[in-house]
């Protein structure tokens, strides 16, 4: 019996330790009801967002119905915009919107990449936080301030120190001369694109910096140990690892550029013409046309054509975001494979 007593005692102690110390609190018992309530509220918010989106689309279609019936899809390829003759086409505005946004991306993406690279790899510790905060604060500047600065400060600088020297050197070159032609007033697609680039740089740079910082240090340290330079580490290690976040940041900036209104209205020139494809010629965009004409447009075909432009901008934004989503899904599907 003495030999079996410790074994029985051990069994009793283990059984006593396996029993719960106390009952679950009453608050946990009511958890399923709270979870269902929260899930219902979240589902309601999602459905409300979809309903608002559908309502906006339906209202745009109804408002643009006269222009859709009059022109159909030919509205997208007509360049004439004459309220006096009551004839309208959206090609000039669509071209100005896409071209200014493309210029903004061409300028903003390399600059944002350089900012993110400096902040994550090269910046001294004492400068990293204040510089990053200062760049993020650029996103808080109102767009009308950017527009006024572009009109009164950046436009004359662009005309005097960029356009005139380029015209003097390349003015007689067939293709470059056409791209650089125009009066040196500092208004046009290039000015609008650069202002948009300055506006979207904080968004893209902030996203790039955040995704660069989540790269595992072991990957970068291994590359440095193998003799890679900082550029090789960023190009061959960090970018492949964070490509999904980088693409998302670029698409965020593109969406911001497509929908910008007041800054573009100040510097694009607001002229409906496609006779010259020069970057320095005055042009127009969908948002600037809506800002300039919608308040004075009477009911009828003019107002319907402006709403049609808004519907086109809505469709462009939807297509851009859908393509970016497909690209992100493709990138996620290819993660882990040899690139």
Protein backbone atom coordinates (compact mmCIF):
# COMPACT_ATOMS: atom_id res chain seq x y z
CA UNK A 1 0.00 0.00 0.00
CA UNK A 2 2.90 2.31 0.73
CA UNK A 3 4.17 1.75 -2.79
CA UNK A 4 0.84 2.61 -4.39
CA UNK A 5 0.10 5.68 -2.24
CA UNK A 6 2.31 8.16 -4.13
CA UNK A 7 0.81 7.07 -7.40
CA UNK A 8 -2.73 7.63 -6.14
CA UNK A 9 -1.75 10.96 -4.66
CA UNK A 10 -0.20 12.06 -7.96
CA UNK A 11 -3.34 11.04 -9.81
CA UNK A 12 -5.55 12.99 -7.45
CA UNK A 13 -3.35 16.09 -7.70
CA UNK A 14 -3.32 15.94 -11.49
CA UNK A 15 -7.09 15.56 -11.56
CA UNK A 16 -7.47 18.50 -9.22
CA UNK A 17 -5.22 20.67 -11.40
CA UNK A 18 -7.16 19.79 -14.56
CA UNK A 19 -10.44 21.15 -13.18
CA UNK A 20 -11.23 24.80 -14.07
CA UNK A 21 -10.49 27.27 -11.34
CA UNK A 22 -13.71 29.23 -11.89
CA UNK A 23 -16.63 29.57 -14.27
CA UNK A 24 -16.36 31.86 -17.33
CA UNK A 25 -17.49 35.41 -16.61
CA UNK A 26 -21.03 36.32 -17.52
CA UNK A 27 -19.76 38.86 -20.06
CA UNK A 28 -18.17 36.07 -22.15
CA UNK A 29 -21.46 34.17 -22.19
CA UNK A 30 -23.11 37.14 -23.88
CA UNK A 31 -20.30 37.34 -26.44
CA UNK A 32 -22.11 35.57 -29.32
CA UNK A 33 -24.92 38.17 -29.23
CA UNK A 34 -22.41 41.02 -29.32
CA UNK A 35 -20.52 39.32 -32.14
CA UNK A 36 -23.69 38.91 -34.19
CA UNK A 37 -24.66 42.52 -33.54
CA UNK A 38 -21.23 43.75 -34.61
CA UNK A 39 -21.26 41.52 -37.71
CA UNK A 40 -24.69 42.85 -38.64
CA UNK A 41 -23.57 46.44 -38.20
CA UNK A 42 -20.46 45.83 -40.31
CA UNK A 43 -22.55 44.15 -43.02
CA UNK A 44 -25.00 47.06 -42.94
CA UNK A 45 -22.17 49.55 -43.37
CA UNK A 46 -20.81 47.60 -46.35
CA UNK A 47 -24.24 47.35 -47.96
CA UNK A 48 -24.85 51.06 -47.34
CA UNK A 49 -21.59 51.89 -49.10
CA UNK A 50 -22.57 49.74 -52.08
CA UNK A 51 -26.02 51.33 -52.13
CA UNK A 52 -24.51 54.83 -52.14
CA UNK A 53 -22.17 53.83 -54.95
CA UNK A 54 -25.07 52.41 -56.97
CA UNK A 55 -27.13 55.53 -56.22
CA UNK A 56 -24.37 57.82 -57.48
CA UNK A 57 -24.05 55.78 -60.66
CA UNK A 58 -27.80 55.73 -61.29
CA UNK A 59 -28.13 59.49 -60.67
CA UNK A 60 -25.26 60.17 -63.09
CA UNK A 61 -26.83 57.99 -65.75
CA UNK A 62 -30.22 59.69 -65.31
CA UNK A 63 -28.68 63.16 -65.43
CA UNK A 64 -26.59 62.32 -68.50
CA UNK A 65 -29.46 60.57 -70.31
CA UNK A 66 -30.13 63.42 -72.81
CA UNK A 67 -26.45 63.53 -73.84
CA UNK A 68 -26.26 59.74 -73.98
CA UNK A 69 -29.33 59.64 -76.25
CA UNK A 70 -27.96 62.43 -78.43
CA UNK A 71 -24.35 61.27 -78.85
CA UNK A 72 -24.00 57.77 -77.43
CA UNK A 73 -20.43 56.52 -77.29
CA UNK A 74 -19.40 58.98 -80.00
CA UNK A 75 -19.28 61.57 -77.20
CA UNK A 76 -15.99 59.99 -76.16
CA UNK A 77 -14.30 60.70 -79.51
CA UNK A 78 -15.81 64.08 -80.35
CA UNK A 79 -13.47 67.01 -79.74
CA UNK A 80 -15.99 69.80 -80.31
CA UNK A 81 -17.29 71.63 -77.23
CA UNK A 82 -19.46 74.59 -78.25
CA UNK A 83 -22.21 75.70 -75.85
CA UNK A 84 -23.31 78.38 -78.32
CA UNK A 85 -24.04 75.85 -81.06
CA UNK A 86 -25.12 73.29 -78.42
CA UNK A 87 -22.64 70.68 -79.67
CA UNK A 88 -20.53 68.74 -77.24
CA UNK A 89 -17.82 66.10 -77.10
CA UNK A 90 -15.60 64.91 -74.29
CA UNK A 91 -12.37 63.91 -76.05
CA UNK A 92 -10.47 67.08 -75.08
CA UNK A 93 -11.32 66.70 -71.40
CA UNK A 94 -10.64 62.98 -71.33
CA UNK A 95 -7.26 63.48 -73.00
CA UNK A 96 -6.34 66.27 -70.57
CA UNK A 97 -7.32 64.18 -67.55
CA UNK A 98 -5.39 61.09 -68.62
CA UNK A 99 -2.34 63.02 -69.86
CA UNK A 100 -1.97 65.20 -66.76
CA UNK A 101 -2.37 62.14 -64.50
CA UNK A 102 0.22 60.22 -66.52
CA UNK A 103 2.69 63.11 -66.24
CA UNK A 104 2.03 63.27 -62.51
CA UNK A 105 2.83 59.57 -62.10
CA UNK A 106 5.99 59.83 -64.22
CA UNK A 107 7.24 62.59 -61.93
CA UNK A 108 5.89 61.40 -58.58
CA UNK A 109 6.80 57.70 -58.60
CA UNK A 110 10.62 58.11 -58.94
CA UNK A 111 10.65 61.01 -56.46
CA UNK A 112 8.53 59.04 -53.97
CA UNK A 113 10.79 56.02 -54.35
CA UNK A 114 13.84 58.19 -53.67
CA UNK A 115 12.20 59.69 -50.58
CA UNK A 116 11.24 56.27 -49.24
CA UNK A 117 14.73 54.92 -49.98
CA UNK A 118 16.39 57.80 -48.15
CA UNK A 119 14.09 57.59 -45.14
CA UNK A 120 14.45 53.83 -44.70
CA UNK A 121 18.10 53.22 -45.65
CA UNK A 122 20.18 56.39 -45.81
CA UNK A 123 18.72 59.01 -43.49
CA UNK A 124 20.39 59.61 -40.11
CA UNK A 125 18.21 58.78 -37.14
CA UNK A 126 17.79 62.40 -36.02
CA UNK A 127 16.48 63.44 -39.45
CA UNK A 128 14.21 60.49 -40.25
CA UNK A 129 11.21 61.39 -38.13
CA UNK A 130 11.03 65.18 -38.76
CA UNK A 131 11.59 64.74 -42.49
CA UNK A 132 8.97 62.02 -42.74
CA UNK A 133 6.48 64.14 -40.80
CA UNK A 134 7.17 67.16 -43.01
CA UNK A 135 6.52 65.14 -46.17
CA UNK A 136 3.28 63.76 -44.74
CA UNK A 137 2.15 67.29 -43.85
CA UNK A 138 2.25 68.19 -47.54
CA UNK A 139 -0.89 66.10 -47.93
CA UNK A 140 -2.73 68.49 -45.57
CA UNK A 141 -2.14 71.56 -47.76
CA UNK A 142 -5.44 72.53 -49.49
CA UNK A 143 -5.49 71.94 -53.22
CA UNK A 144 -6.43 75.54 -53.95
CA UNK A 145 -3.15 76.64 -52.32
CA UNK A 146 -1.25 74.36 -54.69
CA UNK A 147 -3.20 75.83 -57.58
CA UNK A 148 -2.47 79.43 -56.62
CA UNK A 149 1.19 78.64 -56.04
CA UNK A 150 1.35 76.92 -59.42
CA UNK A 151 -0.28 79.86 -61.18
CA UNK A 152 1.72 82.69 -59.61
CA UNK A 153 5.06 81.05 -58.76
CA UNK A 154 5.67 77.75 -60.51
CA UNK A 155 4.12 78.70 -63.87
CA UNK A 156 6.41 81.71 -64.53
CA UNK A 157 9.45 79.69 -63.37
CA UNK A 158 8.52 76.86 -65.73
CA UNK A 159 8.02 79.23 -68.65
CA UNK A 160 11.22 81.22 -68.09
CA UNK A 161 13.72 78.58 -67.04
CA UNK A 162 12.37 75.43 -68.71
CA UNK A 163 10.14 76.14 -71.70
CA UNK A 164 12.11 78.97 -73.31
CA UNK A 165 15.52 77.26 -73.07
CA UNK A 166 14.06 74.00 -74.39
CA UNK A 167 12.39 75.80 -77.28
CA UNK A 168 15.65 77.56 -78.10
CA UNK A 169 17.55 74.27 -78.26
CA UNK A 170 14.97 71.78 -79.61
CA UNK A 171 12.45 74.08 -81.27
CA UNK A 172 13.41 73.01 -84.80
CA UNK A 173 13.49 69.27 -84.05
CA UNK A 174 10.36 67.78 -85.69
CA UNK A 175 8.90 65.77 -82.80
CA UNK A 176 10.38 67.60 -79.83
CA UNK A 177 9.56 70.97 -81.35
CA UNK A 178 5.87 70.05 -81.48
CA UNK A 179 5.90 68.86 -77.88
CA UNK A 180 7.58 72.08 -76.69
CA UNK A 181 5.66 74.62 -78.77
CA UNK A 182 3.33 77.20 -77.31
CA UNK A 183 3.44 80.64 -75.72
CA UNK A 184 5.67 80.85 -72.62
CA UNK A 185 2.93 81.54 -70.08
CA UNK A 186 3.49 78.59 -67.76
CA UNK A 187 0.06 77.04 -68.26
CA UNK A 188 -0.68 73.67 -69.82
CA UNK A 189 -0.50 69.94 -69.35
CA UNK A 190 3.05 69.88 -68.02
CA UNK A 191 2.33 72.49 -65.38
CA UNK A 192 -0.82 70.64 -64.30
CA UNK A 193 1.04 67.33 -64.23
CA UNK A 194 3.86 68.67 -62.08
CA UNK A 195 1.44 70.28 -59.61
CA UNK A 196 -0.47 67.01 -59.39
CA UNK A 197 2.82 65.18 -58.84
CA UNK A 198 3.67 67.45 -55.91
CA UNK A 199 0.23 66.77 -54.45
CA UNK A 200 0.39 62.96 -54.70
CA UNK A 201 4.04 62.53 -53.65
CA UNK A 202 3.14 62.51 -49.90
CA UNK A 203 0.63 59.68 -50.42
CA UNK A 204 2.90 57.46 -52.51
CA UNK A 205 6.04 58.18 -50.47
CA UNK A 206 4.29 57.44 -47.17
CA UNK A 207 2.97 54.09 -48.41
CA UNK A 208 6.35 53.15 -49.89
CA UNK A 209 8.18 54.05 -46.69
CA UNK A 210 5.78 52.00 -44.58
CA UNK A 211 6.03 48.90 -46.77
CA UNK A 212 9.81 49.21 -47.08
CA UNK A 213 10.10 49.22 -43.30
CA UNK A 214 8.24 45.90 -42.96
CA UNK A 215 10.88 44.09 -45.02
CA UNK A 216 12.57 41.58 -42.67
CA UNK A 217 16.00 42.94 -41.66
CA UNK A 218 17.48 39.49 -42.14
CA UNK A 219 16.85 39.65 -45.89
CA UNK A 220 18.58 43.00 -46.26
CA UNK A 221 21.46 42.07 -43.96
CA UNK A 222 22.01 38.86 -45.92
CA UNK A 223 22.18 40.82 -49.17
CA UNK A 224 24.62 43.31 -47.66
CA UNK A 225 26.72 40.41 -46.36
CA UNK A 226 26.97 39.06 -49.89
CA UNK A 227 28.38 42.39 -51.07
CA UNK A 228 25.24 44.03 -52.47
CA UNK A 229 25.04 47.81 -52.62
CA UNK A 230 22.16 49.81 -51.18
CA UNK A 231 20.61 50.15 -54.63
CA UNK A 232 20.90 46.42 -55.30
CA UNK A 233 19.30 45.65 -51.94
CA UNK A 234 16.37 47.97 -52.70
CA UNK A 235 15.94 46.80 -56.29
CA UNK A 236 16.47 43.06 -55.84
CA UNK A 237 15.33 42.44 -52.27
CA UNK A 238 13.05 45.14 -50.90
CA UNK A 239 11.00 45.89 -54.03
CA UNK A 240 10.21 42.24 -54.85
CA UNK A 241 9.19 41.68 -51.25
CA UNK A 242 6.96 44.80 -51.07
CA UNK A 243 5.74 45.05 -54.67
CA UNK A 244 2.09 44.62 -53.69
CA UNK A 245 2.20 47.56 -51.28
CA UNK A 246 4.15 49.70 -53.74
CA UNK A 247 1.58 49.12 -56.50
CA UNK A 248 -1.19 49.93 -54.03
CA UNK A 249 0.47 53.22 -53.12
CA UNK A 250 0.92 54.16 -56.77
CA UNK A 251 -2.74 53.41 -57.49
CA UNK A 252 -3.73 55.51 -54.49
CA UNK A 253 -1.79 58.43 -55.93
CA UNK A 254 -3.30 57.89 -59.38
CA UNK A 255 -6.80 57.98 -57.96
CA UNK A 256 -5.95 61.23 -56.20
CA UNK A 257 -4.60 62.73 -59.41
CA UNK A 258 -7.62 61.73 -61.51
CA UNK A 259 -10.08 63.39 -59.15
CA UNK A 260 -8.21 66.62 -58.37
CA UNK A 261 -10.15 69.74 -59.33
CA UNK A 262 -9.07 73.16 -58.08
CA UNK A 263 -5.31 72.84 -58.50
CA UNK A 264 -5.74 71.61 -62.07
CA UNK A 265 -8.26 74.36 -62.84
CA UNK A 266 -5.72 77.02 -61.92
CA UNK A 267 -2.83 75.80 -64.07
CA UNK A 268 -4.10 73.72 -66.99
CA UNK A 269 -5.31 76.71 -69.03
CA UNK A 270 -8.98 75.65 -69.45
CA UNK A 271 -8.93 75.71 -73.24
CA UNK A 272 -10.77 73.14 -75.35
CA UNK A 273 -8.33 72.36 -78.13
CA UNK A 274 -6.54 69.39 -79.62
CA UNK A 275 -4.86 71.21 -82.49
CA UNK A 276 -1.54 70.98 -80.66
CA UNK A 277 -0.33 68.15 -78.46
CA UNK A 278 2.33 70.34 -76.88
CA UNK A 279 2.91 69.91 -73.16
CA UNK A 280 3.01 73.70 -72.81
CA UNK A 281 -0.26 74.46 -74.62
CA UNK A 282 -3.36 75.25 -72.60
CA UNK A 283 -5.69 72.27 -72.28
CA UNK A 284 -8.67 71.15 -70.25
CA UNK A 285 -9.68 68.27 -68.00
CA UNK A 286 -12.93 66.74 -66.84
CA UNK A 287 -12.71 68.17 -63.35
CA UNK A 288 -11.74 71.66 -64.50
CA UNK A 289 -14.57 71.70 -67.06
CA UNK A 290 -17.07 70.73 -64.37
CA UNK A 291 -15.70 73.38 -61.99
CA UNK A 292 -15.80 76.14 -64.60
CA UNK A 293 -19.09 75.44 -66.39
CA UNK A 294 -21.47 73.48 -64.22
CA UNK A 295 -22.68 76.46 -62.17
CA UNK A 296 -23.59 78.40 -65.33
CA UNK A 297 -24.90 75.51 -67.43
CA UNK A 298 -28.62 75.65 -68.07
CA UNK A 299 -30.86 72.61 -68.04
CA UNK A 300 -30.69 70.68 -71.25
CA UNK A 301 -27.94 69.24 -73.36
CA UNK A 302 -25.17 71.39 -71.85
CA UNK A 303 -25.84 70.26 -68.31
CA UNK A 304 -26.39 66.68 -69.43
CA UNK A 305 -23.05 66.70 -71.27
CA UNK A 306 -21.26 67.90 -68.14
CA UNK A 307 -22.89 65.13 -66.12
CA UNK A 308 -21.84 62.74 -68.88
CA UNK A 309 -18.26 63.89 -68.30
CA UNK A 310 -18.71 63.12 -64.61
CA UNK A 311 -19.96 59.66 -65.52
CA UNK A 312 -16.92 59.14 -67.74
CA UNK A 313 -14.60 60.19 -64.90
CA UNK A 314 -16.43 57.79 -62.58
CA UNK A 315 -15.94 55.01 -65.13
CA UNK A 316 -12.24 55.85 -65.61
CA UNK A 317 -11.63 55.75 -61.87
CA UNK A 318 -13.55 52.48 -61.57
CA UNK A 319 -11.54 50.90 -64.39
CA UNK A 320 -8.22 52.08 -62.93
CA UNK A 321 -9.05 50.73 -59.48
CA UNK A 322 -10.32 47.45 -60.93
CA UNK A 323 -7.16 46.97 -62.97
CA UNK A 324 -5.03 47.75 -59.94
CA UNK A 325 -6.98 45.19 -57.93
CA UNK A 326 -6.43 42.55 -60.61
CA UNK A 327 -2.74 43.44 -60.72
CA UNK A 328 -2.48 43.11 -56.94
CA UNK A 329 -4.20 39.73 -57.04
CA UNK A 330 -1.81 38.59 -59.75
CA UNK A 331 1.18 39.77 -57.72
CA UNK A 332 -0.07 37.94 -54.63
CA UNK A 333 -0.59 34.80 -56.69
CA UNK A 334 2.97 35.02 -57.93
CA UNK A 335 4.55 35.58 -54.52
CA UNK A 336 7.09 32.92 -53.65
CA UNK A 337 7.85 32.12 -57.29
CA UNK A 338 11.04 33.01 -59.06
CA UNK A 339 10.85 36.53 -60.47
